[in-house]
Amino acid sequence: MEEGGEHTSLLVKDDASCHGDESQNLLETRQGSQLKSKRFDWRAPALILGLECLESMAFNGIATNLVVYIRPVLHGGIASSASTVSLWFGTSFFVPILGAAIADTYLGNYKTILISLIMYLLGMVLITVAAFMPSTSVSCDMSSSCLLSDGTQNLIFFVALYLTAVGCGGVRSALLPFGADQFNNEHSLDIKRRRNFFSSFYICVIFGVITSGTIIVWVQENVSWAIGYGIATTCIGLALIGFLVGTPIFRQYEPCGSPVKSIFKVIVATFRNMSLEVPDDSSLLYEVRSNHIQRIKLAHSDDFRFLDRAAVISDLSSAYGNRQSSWSLCTVTEVEELKILIRLLPIWVTGIFFGAAISQMHTTFIQQGTVMNTKIGSLTIPPASLYSFEVICVTLWVLAVDKVIAPATRMYFANGVELTQLQRIGIGRFLMIFAMAMAALLETKRLQSIREAEPLSIAWQFPQYFIIAGAECFAVITQLEFFHGQAPDSMKSMLTAFALLTTALGNYLSSAIITFIAGVTVVWQSPGWIPDDLNRGHLDYYYWCFAAVSLANFVVYVYFASKYKLKKVVIS
């Protein structure tokens, strides 16, 4: 792209990321010769960062206060409202898996973002329309039982809500990798710029969260829910317009197939070759050999050796001449890709339980805040706004880790190494135990204050938000980095999406847990632990359950993390 010249949208075949005999794991840049002569255009990534700011504002403009909206406006119960929000959050984080598969296999990142933004905007418009309807514009008391609102309006709102979740998930799956596509991997300056882009992208997410958690939430609770949702809708409308305007300056790549096919090929080949003997010498296993093209390959590992049957050569002439069917013979690199997935699976599962615990700040933490004294001095603090405080704390934790904790660990360890990624994730898992315990202790104290007719200040929630922010900094951010770093080049998008999926499944698990506990405890002793009036329940017992689950999850994580083998690559 010549700066200051005429710009055209660049469409390039992404051969380096494809699976196949002659293109898998090539040590080549994703840019063709056409792009090598084009200079970096800062406007493309800058525009994508702006789009992320707007998207984050829109998403959190719905998500931050959704549990509050459903309870008094749509007249949902305490447990059902929390369950509904968890399901919606889970869906919005599950869709990126599908979006990533569609983008890699069929549409490419650009078309995926465009279609998703259109769906996103349509859903946001319908949500705003539903909020303007008279039957959903009157709130009821948070502590009392409410009559159900009109079914038609509920149907419109929830259809729109999940349409928005699908659109959001599609954008989330493609926008970050699309931004990374704007840089040239061959230039060291572009590599540095791309690293800064990832940091800036996260800052944009934080900016959207803080803005929506203060301005939009305040408008929703003090002016009008419809106007608040209208502001969020406007953000998505501007994002769509900006994306279309930026089309001529974006670098685009054609999709060339999903790595999922390679995984299934290894599984099929393993079963087809069950009768073959795995040689003791791993060099006898099949790998693509070429004297003309330099390749990045994964080194052979000794675990899960039964999968090595997929790379056992049964016909030397076919292996080094006309290769037999790829569904009966795979390369060592293809086999190792599947092994990486298997090694990551236990770490990934512990992330689901962690995600279920961290989802409480979107649901029960907010509900706990609604029954506390929301005044701090002369200010009235919307409970949902404390999520913005948590995001600010995440930023502070990130700075503390980079500027204080990491240098301190280098001084502490004799060889000058820092905390490993697995150790950081473990710290996050450990901090979650304390966050849940603090929430339980606070709820016990709050119930006591109710009996004494002295409502507890919402400021007492700050410590648990601060600790959960530390858990998020160590576990969530590092987990994305770890999964991306452990993934082979052909599977980075997929494994990054899988790291995001832990949030989705964690929200689904949270919804199942809260529904189960609310149902079981109401049978034991009415009104149960989580009634519509929290002053009559025992939300503290619920938090203690999550503290116990987090403790067990930490122990399991430590076991599997201690056994984990990092991937090794070879260039030949």
Protein backbone atom coordinates (compact mmCIF):
# COMPACT_ATOMS: atom_id res chain seq x y z
CA MET A 1 0.00 0.00 0.00
CA GLU A 2 1.63 3.19 -1.12
CA GLU A 3 1.08 5.89 1.45
CA GLY A 4 -0.62 8.93 -0.07
CA GLY A 5 -1.38 7.08 -3.31
CA GLU A 6 -4.38 5.31 -4.72
CA HIS A 7 -5.56 2.47 -2.48
CA THR A 8 -7.21 -0.74 -3.54
CA SER A 9 -8.42 -3.62 -1.40
CA LEU A 10 -5.76 -6.33 -1.43
CA LEU A 11 -6.95 -9.93 -1.76
CA VAL A 12 -4.31 -12.60 -1.25
CA LYS A 13 -4.35 -16.37 -1.09
CA ASP A 14 -3.19 -17.42 2.39
CA ASP A 15 -1.10 -20.40 1.32
CA ALA A 16 1.07 -20.48 4.41
CA SER A 17 -1.83 -21.36 6.65
CA CYS A 18 -3.26 -24.13 4.45
CA HIS A 19 -2.93 -27.82 5.04
CA GLY A 20 -1.47 -29.87 2.26
CA ASP A 21 1.66 -31.61 1.05
CA GLU A 22 3.34 -28.54 -0.40
CA SER A 23 1.97 -25.72 1.73
CA GLN A 24 1.72 -26.95 5.32
CA ASN A 25 3.94 -25.09 7.80
CA LEU A 26 5.99 -23.29 5.16
CA LEU A 27 8.49 -20.78 6.49
CA GLU A 28 7.00 -18.07 4.31
CA THR A 29 5.15 -14.88 4.99
CA ARG A 30 1.44 -14.67 4.40
CA GLN A 31 2.04 -11.85 1.94
CA GLY A 32 2.60 -12.66 -1.69
CA SER A 33 5.04 -10.83 -3.90
CA GLN A 34 2.34 -8.25 -4.57
CA LEU A 35 2.40 -7.18 -0.92
CA LYS A 36 6.14 -7.10 -0.50
CA SER A 37 6.31 -3.90 -2.50
CA LYS A 38 3.54 -2.28 -0.44
CA ARG A 39 4.39 -0.15 2.54
CA PHE A 40 2.66 -0.24 5.90
CA ASP A 41 -0.50 1.87 6.09
CA TRP A 42 -1.13 2.85 9.71
CA ARG A 43 -4.76 3.73 8.97
CA ALA A 44 -5.88 0.09 8.65
CA PRO A 45 -4.93 -1.11 12.17
CA ALA A 46 -5.89 2.27 13.64
CA LEU A 47 -9.36 1.94 12.13
CA ILE A 48 -9.68 -1.63 13.45
CA LEU A 49 -8.76 -0.41 16.94
CA GLY A 50 -11.48 2.23 16.66
CA LEU A 51 -13.97 -0.44 15.59
CA GLU A 52 -13.07 -2.50 18.65
CA CYS A 53 -13.67 0.50 20.92
CA LEU A 54 -17.15 0.93 19.45
CA GLU A 55 -17.92 -2.81 19.54
CA SER A 56 -16.78 -3.10 23.14
CA MET A 57 -18.94 -0.12 24.12
CA ALA A 58 -21.97 -1.68 22.40
CA PHE A 59 -21.51 -5.18 23.83
CA ASN A 60 -20.92 -4.00 27.38
CA GLY A 61 -23.71 -1.47 27.02
CA ILE A 62 -25.97 -4.52 26.97
CA ALA A 63 -23.98 -6.98 29.08
CA THR A 64 -23.01 -4.83 32.06
CA ASN A 65 -26.54 -4.05 33.20
CA LEU A 66 -28.46 -6.90 31.61
CA VAL A 67 -29.20 -8.75 34.85
CA VAL A 68 -30.59 -5.52 36.32
CA TYR A 69 -32.79 -4.93 33.25
CA ILE A 70 -34.23 -8.43 33.19
CA ARG A 71 -35.23 -8.42 36.86
CA PRO A 72 -37.21 -5.18 37.34
CA VAL A 73 -38.17 -4.38 33.72
CA LEU A 74 -38.84 -7.82 32.20
CA HIS A 75 -39.94 -9.08 35.63
CA GLY A 76 -37.65 -12.10 35.90
CA GLY A 77 -36.73 -13.85 39.14
CA ILE A 78 -33.35 -13.56 40.86
CA ALA A 79 -32.15 -17.06 39.94
CA SER A 80 -33.73 -17.07 36.47
CA SER A 81 -32.24 -13.63 35.67
CA ALA A 82 -28.74 -14.78 36.63
CA SER A 83 -29.21 -17.98 34.63
CA THR A 84 -30.45 -16.06 31.58
CA VAL A 85 -27.49 -13.70 31.63
CA SER A 86 -25.02 -16.58 32.03
CA LEU A 87 -26.56 -18.37 29.05
CA TRP A 88 -26.35 -15.23 26.94
CA PHE A 89 -22.76 -14.54 27.95
CA GLY A 90 -21.91 -18.14 27.18
CA THR A 91 -23.45 -17.91 23.73
CA SER A 92 -21.58 -14.71 22.90
CA PHE A 93 -18.30 -16.46 23.74
CA PHE A 94 -19.23 -19.79 22.10
CA VAL A 95 -20.06 -18.31 18.69
CA PRO A 96 -16.39 -17.30 18.01
CA ILE A 97 -15.58 -21.00 17.60
CA LEU A 98 -18.10 -21.26 14.78
CA GLY A 99 -17.07 -17.87 13.44
CA ALA A 100 -13.40 -18.86 13.34
CA ALA A 101 -14.23 -22.11 11.51
CA ILE A 102 -16.38 -20.28 8.96
CA ALA A 103 -13.79 -17.54 8.46
CA ASP A 104 -10.93 -20.03 7.98
CA THR A 105 -12.84 -22.39 5.74
CA TYR A 106 -15.33 -20.37 3.69
CA LEU A 107 -15.66 -16.60 4.11
CA GLY A 108 -12.37 -15.17 5.32
CA ASN A 109 -12.07 -12.60 8.10
CA TYR A 110 -13.37 -9.61 6.13
CA LYS A 111 -16.67 -11.14 5.03
CA THR A 112 -17.18 -12.73 8.45
CA ILE A 113 -16.82 -9.33 10.14
CA LEU A 114 -19.10 -7.62 7.63
CA ILE A 115 -21.93 -10.15 7.92
CA SER A 116 -21.56 -10.26 11.71
CA LEU A 117 -21.73 -6.47 12.01
CA ILE A 118 -24.97 -6.42 10.01
CA MET A 119 -26.50 -9.07 12.28
CA TYR A 120 -25.13 -7.20 15.30
CA LEU A 121 -26.77 -3.95 14.19
CA LEU A 122 -30.11 -5.63 13.46
CA GLY A 123 -30.16 -7.21 16.92
CA MET A 124 -29.26 -3.92 18.60
CA VAL A 125 -32.02 -2.07 16.75
CA LEU A 126 -34.60 -4.66 17.86
CA ILE A 127 -33.40 -4.46 21.49
CA THR A 128 -33.81 -0.69 21.42
CA VAL A 129 -37.28 -1.00 19.87
CA ALA A 130 -38.29 -3.53 22.57
CA ALA A 131 -37.06 -1.16 25.28
CA PHE A 132 -39.26 1.62 23.87
CA MET A 133 -42.40 -0.55 24.09
CA PRO A 134 -44.76 0.65 26.88
CA SER A 135 -45.26 -2.73 28.52
CA THR A 136 -41.55 -3.07 29.24
CA SER A 137 -40.91 0.53 30.22
CA VAL A 138 -42.23 0.32 33.79
CA SER A 139 -39.96 -1.21 36.45
CA CYS A 140 -41.02 -3.17 39.50
CA ASP A 141 -39.43 -3.36 42.93
CA MET A 142 -36.21 -5.42 42.98
CA SER A 143 -37.10 -7.07 46.29
CA SER A 144 -40.69 -8.03 45.46
CA SER A 145 -42.37 -10.57 43.23
CA CYS A 146 -43.45 -9.20 39.84
CA LEU A 147 -46.10 -10.08 37.31
CA LEU A 148 -44.75 -11.44 34.06
CA SER A 149 -44.38 -8.88 31.29
CA ASP A 150 -46.07 -9.26 27.91
CA GLY A 151 -44.87 -12.35 26.05
CA THR A 152 -44.57 -10.61 22.68
CA GLN A 153 -42.19 -8.00 23.99
CA ASN A 154 -40.16 -10.68 25.79
CA LEU A 155 -39.95 -12.68 22.57
CA ILE A 156 -38.72 -9.68 20.57
CA PHE A 157 -36.16 -8.78 23.23
CA PHE A 158 -34.68 -12.25 23.62
CA VAL A 159 -34.62 -13.00 19.88
CA ALA A 160 -32.80 -9.70 19.41
CA LEU A 161 -30.51 -10.49 22.35
CA TYR A 162 -29.32 -13.76 20.82
CA LEU A 163 -29.08 -12.24 17.34
CA THR A 164 -26.74 -9.71 18.93
CA ALA A 165 -24.78 -12.50 20.60
CA VAL A 166 -24.26 -14.22 17.25
CA GLY A 167 -23.16 -10.98 15.60
CA CYS A 168 -20.86 -10.15 18.49
CA GLY A 169 -19.32 -13.62 18.40
CA GLY A 170 -18.66 -13.37 14.68
CA VAL A 171 -16.89 -10.03 15.09
CA ARG A 172 -14.93 -11.32 18.07
CA SER A 173 -13.71 -14.36 16.12
CA ALA A 174 -12.33 -12.39 13.18
CA LEU A 175 -11.54 -8.78 14.14
CA LEU A 176 -8.32 -9.43 16.10
CA PRO A 177 -6.74 -11.78 13.50
CA PHE A 178 -7.93 -9.42 10.76
CA GLY A 179 -6.05 -6.61 12.48
CA ALA A 180 -2.93 -8.77 12.70
CA ASP A 181 -3.24 -9.43 8.95
CA GLN A 182 -2.54 -5.76 8.27
CA PHE A 183 1.13 -6.20 9.21
CA ASN A 184 3.93 -7.73 7.16
CA ASN A 185 5.63 -10.59 8.99
CA GLU A 186 8.85 -10.13 6.98
CA HIS A 187 9.64 -6.67 8.36
CA SER A 188 11.00 -6.41 11.91
CA LEU A 189 9.37 -3.00 12.34
CA ASP A 190 5.99 -4.45 11.38
CA ILE A 191 6.49 -7.30 13.85
CA LYS A 192 7.04 -4.74 16.62
CA ARG A 193 4.02 -2.77 15.45
CA ARG A 194 1.89 -5.89 15.52
CA ARG A 195 2.97 -6.65 19.09
CA ASN A 196 1.91 -3.13 20.08
CA PHE A 197 -1.34 -3.66 18.20
CA PHE A 198 -2.29 -6.58 20.44
CA SER A 199 -1.68 -4.46 23.55
CA SER A 200 -3.65 -1.57 22.08
CA PHE A 201 -6.50 -3.92 21.19
CA TYR A 202 -6.85 -4.95 24.82
CA ILE A 203 -6.78 -1.30 25.90
CA CYS A 204 -9.62 -0.63 23.46
CA VAL A 205 -11.62 -3.43 25.05
CA ILE A 206 -11.04 -1.85 28.47
CA PHE A 207 -12.02 1.58 27.14
CA GLY A 208 -15.32 0.19 25.89
CA VAL A 209 -16.02 -1.53 29.19
CA ILE A 210 -15.32 1.58 31.26
CA THR A 211 -17.30 3.87 28.98
CA SER A 212 -20.35 1.61 28.91
CA GLY A 213 -20.07 0.84 32.62
CA THR A 214 -20.23 4.52 33.51
CA ILE A 215 -21.96 6.60 30.83
CA ILE A 216 -24.33 4.04 29.27
CA VAL A 217 -25.23 2.38 32.58
CA TRP A 218 -25.94 5.78 34.14
CA VAL A 219 -28.20 6.72 31.21
CA GLN A 220 -30.03 3.38 31.45
CA GLU A 221 -30.77 3.71 35.16
CA ASN A 222 -31.31 7.46 35.44
CA VAL A 223 -32.69 8.58 32.05
CA SER A 224 -34.10 5.73 29.99
CA TRP A 225 -33.26 2.12 29.21
CA ALA A 226 -34.26 2.73 25.59
CA ILE A 227 -31.93 5.72 25.21
CA GLY A 228 -29.10 3.77 26.83
CA TYR A 229 -29.58 0.89 24.40
CA GLY A 230 -29.91 3.45 21.60
CA ILE A 231 -26.41 4.76 22.39
CA ALA A 232 -25.05 1.21 22.16
CA THR A 233 -26.89 0.71 18.86
CA THR A 234 -25.34 3.90 17.49
CA CYS A 235 -21.88 2.53 18.32
CA ILE A 236 -22.46 -0.54 16.18
CA GLY A 237 -23.91 1.57 13.38
CA LEU A 238 -20.77 3.72 13.38
CA ALA A 239 -18.59 0.59 13.48
CA LEU A 240 -20.31 -0.82 10.39
CA ILE A 241 -19.95 2.48 8.51
CA GLY A 242 -16.29 2.76 9.50
CA PHE A 243 -15.61 -0.82 8.41
CA LEU A 244 -17.15 -0.21 4.99
CA VAL A 245 -15.26 3.06 4.59
CA GLY A 246 -11.99 1.31 5.42
CA THR A 247 -12.49 -1.50 2.90
CA PRO A 248 -10.09 -0.05 0.28
CA ILE A 249 -7.15 0.06 2.71
CA PHE A 250 -7.61 -3.36 4.33
CA ARG A 251 -5.45 -6.33 3.45
CA GLN A 252 -7.66 -9.34 2.87
CA TYR A 253 -6.88 -13.04 2.52
CA GLU A 254 -8.80 -15.83 0.87
CA PRO A 255 -9.76 -18.77 3.13
CA CYS A 256 -8.05 -22.03 2.27
CA GLY A 257 -9.45 -24.68 4.60
CA SER A 258 -9.75 -25.50 8.28
CA PRO A 259 -7.13 -27.34 10.38
CA VAL A 260 -9.97 -29.43 11.81
CA LYS A 261 -9.71 -31.66 8.74
CA SER A 262 -6.09 -32.46 9.61
CA ILE A 263 -7.13 -33.58 13.09
CA PHE A 264 -9.71 -36.00 11.73
CA LYS A 265 -7.19 -37.31 9.19
CA VAL A 266 -4.82 -38.26 12.00
CA ILE A 267 -7.58 -40.03 13.92
CA VAL A 268 -8.73 -41.97 10.84
CA ALA A 269 -5.17 -42.88 9.86
CA THR A 270 -4.44 -44.09 13.39
CA PHE A 271 -7.33 -46.54 13.30
CA ARG A 272 -6.48 -47.64 9.76
CA ASN A 273 -2.91 -48.44 10.83
CA MET A 274 -3.74 -50.20 14.10
CA SER A 275 -2.02 -53.38 12.84
CA LEU A 276 1.27 -51.57 12.12
CA GLU A 277 4.18 -51.51 14.55
CA VAL A 278 5.46 -48.11 15.70
CA PRO A 279 9.27 -48.01 15.17
CA ASP A 280 11.53 -47.12 18.09
CA ASP A 281 13.41 -44.69 15.84
CA SER A 282 11.12 -41.69 15.30
CA SER A 283 13.13 -40.66 12.22
CA LEU A 284 11.50 -43.57 10.40
CA LEU A 285 8.09 -41.95 10.76
CA TYR A 286 6.75 -40.07 7.76
CA GLU A 287 7.54 -36.38 7.32
CA VAL A 288 7.53 -34.17 4.22
CA ARG A 289 11.02 -33.78 2.83
CA SER A 290 12.07 -31.09 0.38
CA ASN A 291 15.38 -29.73 -0.80
CA HIS A 292 13.85 -26.51 -2.10
CA ILE A 293 11.49 -25.20 0.57
CA GLN A 294 12.39 -24.59 4.20
CA ARG A 295 9.72 -25.82 6.58
CA ILE A 296 8.76 -25.33 10.20
CA LYS A 297 7.99 -28.74 11.68
CA LEU A 298 7.01 -30.00 15.10
CA ALA A 299 9.51 -32.25 16.80
CA HIS A 300 8.37 -35.78 17.65
CA SER A 301 7.33 -36.41 21.26
CA ASP A 302 7.15 -39.72 23.09
CA ASP A 303 3.73 -39.35 24.72
CA PHE A 304 0.52 -40.66 23.13
CA ARG A 305 2.61 -43.00 21.00
CA PHE A 306 -0.48 -44.83 19.75
CA LEU A 307 -1.14 -41.81 17.52
CA ASP A 308 2.26 -42.32 15.85
CA ARG A 309 0.66 -45.14 13.88
CA ALA A 310 -0.81 -42.45 11.64
CA ALA A 311 2.76 -41.63 10.52
CA VAL A 312 4.03 -45.19 10.12
CA ILE A 313 5.20 -45.77 6.55
CA SER A 314 3.86 -49.01 5.12
CA ASP A 315 5.02 -48.40 1.55
CA LEU A 316 8.33 -46.56 1.06
CA SER A 317 7.78 -46.02 -2.62
CA SER A 318 4.44 -44.33 -2.05
CA ALA A 319 5.81 -42.29 0.81
CA TYR A 320 8.73 -40.82 -1.10
CA GLY A 321 7.20 -40.98 -4.54
CA ASN A 322 3.47 -40.77 -5.04
CA ARG A 323 2.17 -40.42 -1.51
CA GLN A 324 -0.67 -42.75 -0.55
CA SER A 325 -3.98 -41.37 0.73
CA SER A 326 -3.57 -38.68 3.39
CA TRP A 327 -6.34 -40.45 5.30
CA SER A 328 -4.01 -43.42 5.88
CA LEU A 329 -0.64 -41.67 6.21
CA CYS A 330 0.01 -38.36 8.00
CA THR A 331 3.16 -36.43 8.75
CA VAL A 332 4.78 -36.29 12.18
CA THR A 333 3.85 -32.61 12.33
CA GLU A 334 0.18 -33.40 11.74
CA VAL A 335 0.29 -36.04 14.48
CA GLU A 336 2.02 -33.65 16.88
CA GLU A 337 -0.67 -31.04 16.27
CA LEU A 338 -3.26 -33.47 17.62
CA LYS A 339 -0.99 -34.32 20.56
CA ILE A 340 -0.82 -30.63 21.43
CA LEU A 341 -4.60 -30.51 21.59
CA ILE A 342 -4.67 -33.54 23.89
CA ARG A 343 -2.06 -32.03 26.22
CA LEU A 344 -3.97 -28.76 26.37
CA LEU A 345 -7.30 -30.45 27.10
CA PRO A 346 -6.92 -30.77 30.92
CA ILE A 347 -5.66 -27.17 31.18
CA TRP A 348 -8.62 -26.12 29.06
CA VAL A 349 -11.14 -27.98 31.25
CA THR A 350 -9.88 -26.25 34.40
CA GLY A 351 -10.44 -22.99 32.52
CA ILE A 352 -14.14 -23.84 32.24
CA PHE A 353 -14.54 -24.11 36.03
CA PHE A 354 -12.53 -20.91 36.41
CA GLY A 355 -14.86 -19.25 33.89
CA ALA A 356 -17.90 -20.35 35.89
CA ALA A 357 -16.48 -18.65 38.98
CA ILE A 358 -15.45 -15.43 37.24
CA SER A 359 -18.91 -15.14 35.64
CA GLN A 360 -20.31 -14.33 39.09
CA MET A 361 -19.19 -10.71 38.74
CA HIS A 362 -21.67 -10.35 35.86
CA THR A 363 -24.55 -11.92 37.79
CA THR A 364 -24.62 -12.59 41.52
CA PHE A 365 -22.06 -9.88 42.38
CA ILE A 366 -24.36 -7.31 40.76
CA GLN A 367 -27.43 -8.80 42.43
CA GLN A 368 -25.61 -8.68 45.75
CA GLY A 369 -24.86 -5.02 45.13
CA THR A 370 -28.51 -4.15 44.38
CA VAL A 371 -29.52 -5.08 47.94
CA MET A 372 -26.74 -3.02 49.54
CA ASN A 373 -26.54 0.69 50.26
CA THR A 374 -25.48 2.07 46.88
CA LYS A 375 -24.63 5.53 48.19
CA ILE A 376 -20.99 6.42 48.77
CA GLY A 377 -21.02 9.91 50.19
CA SER A 378 -23.25 11.97 47.94
CA LEU A 379 -22.81 9.63 44.95
CA THR A 380 -25.16 6.83 43.98
CA ILE A 381 -23.19 3.93 42.51
CA PRO A 382 -25.04 1.61 40.10
CA PRO A 383 -24.02 -1.94 41.10
CA ALA A 384 -23.23 -2.82 37.48
CA SER A 385 -20.70 0.05 37.35
CA LEU A 386 -18.40 -1.87 39.69
CA TYR A 387 -17.50 -3.99 36.68
CA SER A 388 -15.73 -0.87 35.35
CA PHE A 389 -13.83 -0.74 38.63
CA GLU A 390 -12.82 -4.36 38.09
CA VAL A 391 -11.55 -3.55 34.59
CA ILE A 392 -9.48 -0.67 35.93
CA CYS A 393 -8.08 -3.08 38.52
CA VAL A 394 -7.15 -5.52 35.74
CA THR A 395 -5.15 -2.73 34.10
CA LEU A 396 -3.42 -1.99 37.40
CA TRP A 397 -2.67 -5.68 37.87
CA VAL A 398 -1.18 -5.85 34.35
CA LEU A 399 1.08 -2.90 35.10
CA ALA A 400 2.04 -4.40 38.47
CA VAL A 401 2.95 -7.72 36.87
CA ASP A 402 5.08 -6.06 34.16
CA LYS A 403 6.76 -3.43 36.30
CA VAL A 404 6.96 -5.02 39.76
CA ILE A 405 6.20 -8.74 39.94
CA ALA A 406 8.14 -9.84 36.83
CA PRO A 407 11.34 -7.92 37.77
CA ALA A 408 11.03 -9.21 41.33
CA THR A 409 10.87 -12.83 40.15
CA ARG A 410 13.94 -12.26 37.95
CA MET A 411 15.82 -11.07 41.01
CA TYR A 412 14.51 -13.93 43.16
CA PHE A 413 15.39 -16.81 40.84
CA ALA A 414 19.10 -17.41 40.47
CA ASN A 415 18.97 -17.93 36.70
CA GLY A 416 17.01 -14.72 36.18
CA VAL A 417 13.91 -16.34 34.71
CA GLU A 418 10.42 -14.95 35.12
CA LEU A 419 7.24 -16.73 36.09
CA THR A 420 6.26 -19.17 33.36
CA GLN A 421 2.88 -18.87 31.67
CA LEU A 422 1.63 -21.99 33.44
CA GLN A 423 2.70 -20.57 36.79
CA ARG A 424 0.85 -17.33 36.07
CA ILE A 425 -2.30 -19.22 35.17
CA GLY A 426 -1.95 -21.18 38.41
CA ILE A 427 -1.74 -17.95 40.41
CA GLY A 428 -4.96 -16.83 38.77
CA ARG A 429 -6.68 -20.09 39.68
CA PHE A 430 -5.46 -19.66 43.27
CA LEU A 431 -6.67 -16.05 43.57
CA MET A 432 -10.15 -17.13 42.50
CA ILE A 433 -10.45 -19.17 45.70
CA PHE A 434 -9.91 -16.01 47.73
CA ALA A 435 -12.31 -13.98 45.59
CA MET A 436 -15.16 -16.44 46.19
CA ALA A 437 -14.35 -16.69 49.91
CA MET A 438 -14.37 -12.91 50.24
CA ALA A 439 -17.76 -12.72 48.48
CA ALA A 440 -19.12 -15.33 50.90
CA LEU A 441 -17.81 -13.50 53.97
CA LEU A 442 -19.23 -10.22 52.67
CA GLU A 443 -22.66 -11.79 52.14
CA THR A 444 -22.63 -13.17 55.69
CA LYS A 445 -21.80 -9.69 56.98
CA ARG A 446 -24.49 -8.13 54.75
CA LEU A 447 -27.20 -10.46 56.06
CA GLN A 448 -26.15 -9.61 59.59
CA SER A 449 -26.40 -5.88 58.78
CA ILE A 450 -29.94 -6.39 57.45
CA ARG A 451 -30.97 -7.98 60.74
CA GLU A 452 -29.48 -4.98 62.52
CA ALA A 453 -31.31 -2.56 60.17
CA GLU A 454 -28.05 -1.02 58.99
CA PRO A 455 -27.60 -1.81 55.26
CA LEU A 456 -24.00 -2.44 54.31
CA SER A 457 -22.30 -0.03 51.88
CA ILE A 458 -21.61 -1.27 48.34
CA ALA A 459 -18.02 -0.12 48.86
CA TRP A 460 -17.46 -3.41 50.71
CA GLN A 461 -17.60 -5.13 47.31
CA PHE A 462 -14.43 -3.40 46.12
CA PRO A 463 -12.00 -5.99 47.63
CA GLN A 464 -13.64 -8.98 45.95
CA TYR A 465 -13.66 -7.16 42.59
CA PHE A 466 -9.97 -6.30 43.09
CA ILE A 467 -9.01 -9.92 43.80
CA ILE A 468 -11.05 -11.28 40.92
CA ALA A 469 -9.31 -8.72 38.68
CA GLY A 470 -5.98 -10.22 39.72
CA ALA A 471 -7.27 -13.68 38.92
CA GLU A 472 -8.37 -12.44 35.48
CA CYS A 473 -5.00 -10.81 34.82
CA PHE A 474 -3.00 -13.92 35.68
CA ALA A 475 -5.34 -16.57 34.29
CA VAL A 476 -7.47 -15.22 31.44
CA ILE A 477 -4.96 -12.99 29.65
CA THR A 478 -2.10 -15.45 30.14
CA GLN A 479 -4.26 -18.37 29.01
CA LEU A 480 -4.90 -16.65 25.66
CA GLU A 481 -1.16 -16.04 25.31
CA PHE A 482 -0.34 -19.63 26.32
CA PHE A 483 -2.79 -21.27 23.93
CA HIS A 484 -1.67 -19.03 21.08
CA GLY A 485 2.00 -19.72 21.83
CA GLN A 486 1.57 -23.50 22.11
CA ALA A 487 -0.45 -23.74 18.93
CA PRO A 488 1.31 -24.68 15.69
CA ASP A 489 1.11 -22.05 12.96
CA SER A 490 -1.77 -23.81 11.24
CA MET A 491 -3.92 -23.90 14.40
CA LYS A 492 -3.32 -20.57 16.17
CA SER A 493 -6.75 -19.13 15.38
CA MET A 494 -8.51 -22.30 16.39
CA LEU A 495 -6.72 -22.70 19.71
CA THR A 496 -7.16 -19.01 20.53
CA ALA A 497 -10.87 -19.53 19.90
CA PHE A 498 -10.79 -22.57 22.18
CA ALA A 499 -9.26 -20.44 24.92
CA LEU A 500 -12.20 -18.05 24.51
CA LEU A 501 -14.58 -21.01 24.62
CA THR A 502 -13.72 -21.62 28.28
CA THR A 503 -15.55 -18.39 29.05
CA ALA A 504 -18.61 -19.59 27.15
CA LEU A 505 -18.71 -23.01 28.77
CA GLY A 506 -17.97 -21.43 32.14
CA ASN A 507 -21.07 -19.27 31.79
CA TYR A 508 -23.15 -22.29 30.80
CA LEU A 509 -21.78 -24.20 33.80
CA SER A 510 -22.56 -21.24 36.07
CA SER A 511 -26.13 -21.16 34.75
CA ALA A 512 -26.51 -24.89 35.43
CA ILE A 513 -25.02 -24.60 38.93
CA ILE A 514 -27.18 -21.68 40.04
CA THR A 515 -30.32 -23.31 38.62
CA PHE A 516 -29.51 -26.60 40.35
CA ILE A 517 -28.67 -25.00 43.71
CA ALA A 518 -31.74 -22.74 43.64
CA GLY A 519 -33.99 -25.71 42.84
CA VAL A 520 -32.49 -28.12 45.36
CA THR A 521 -32.21 -25.72 48.28
CA VAL A 522 -35.80 -24.51 47.94
CA VAL A 523 -36.85 -28.15 48.44
CA TRP A 524 -34.62 -28.49 51.49
CA GLN A 525 -35.84 -25.36 53.17
CA SER A 526 -38.02 -22.63 51.65
CA PRO A 527 -37.20 -20.09 50.23
CA GLY A 528 -33.79 -21.69 49.46
CA TRP A 529 -30.35 -20.12 49.16
CA ILE A 530 -31.15 -17.86 46.18
CA PRO A 531 -34.73 -16.56 46.49
CA ASP A 532 -36.06 -13.47 44.71
CA ASP A 533 -35.54 -11.58 47.98
CA LEU A 534 -31.86 -12.13 48.78
CA ASN A 535 -32.38 -10.86 52.31
CA ARG A 536 -34.26 -14.11 53.02
CA GLY A 537 -31.69 -16.37 51.36
CA HIS A 538 -28.14 -17.57 51.85
CA LEU A 539 -26.10 -16.40 48.88
CA ASP A 540 -23.07 -16.82 51.15
CA TYR A 541 -23.51 -20.61 51.07
CA TYR A 542 -23.59 -20.44 47.27
CA TYR A 543 -20.29 -18.52 47.24
CA TRP A 544 -18.72 -21.03 49.63
CA CYS A 545 -19.67 -23.79 47.16
CA PHE A 546 -17.83 -21.91 44.43
CA ALA A 547 -14.83 -21.42 46.71
CA ALA A 548 -14.70 -25.20 47.24
CA VAL A 549 -15.04 -25.84 43.48
CA SER A 550 -12.25 -23.32 42.81
CA LEU A 551 -10.00 -25.05 45.36
CA ALA A 552 -10.54 -28.46 43.74
CA ASN A 553 -10.01 -26.90 40.31
CA PHE A 554 -6.70 -25.41 41.46
CA VAL A 555 -5.45 -28.77 42.73
CA VAL A 556 -6.36 -30.49 39.45
CA TYR A 557 -4.70 -27.70 37.46
CA VAL A 558 -1.45 -27.94 39.44
CA TYR A 559 -1.28 -31.69 38.75
CA PHE A 560 -1.72 -31.42 34.98
CA ALA A 561 0.39 -28.27 34.64
CA SER A 562 3.30 -30.06 36.35
CA LYS A 563 3.01 -32.86 33.75
CA TYR A 564 2.68 -30.58 30.72
CA LYS A 565 5.35 -30.78 28.01
CA LEU A 566 5.94 -27.63 25.97
CA LYS A 567 5.95 -28.01 22.20
CA LYS A 568 9.25 -28.11 20.30
CA VAL A 569 9.77 -27.04 16.71
CA VAL A 570 12.50 -27.85 14.21
CA ILE A 571 13.34 -26.07 10.96
CA SER A 572 14.50 -28.23 8.09
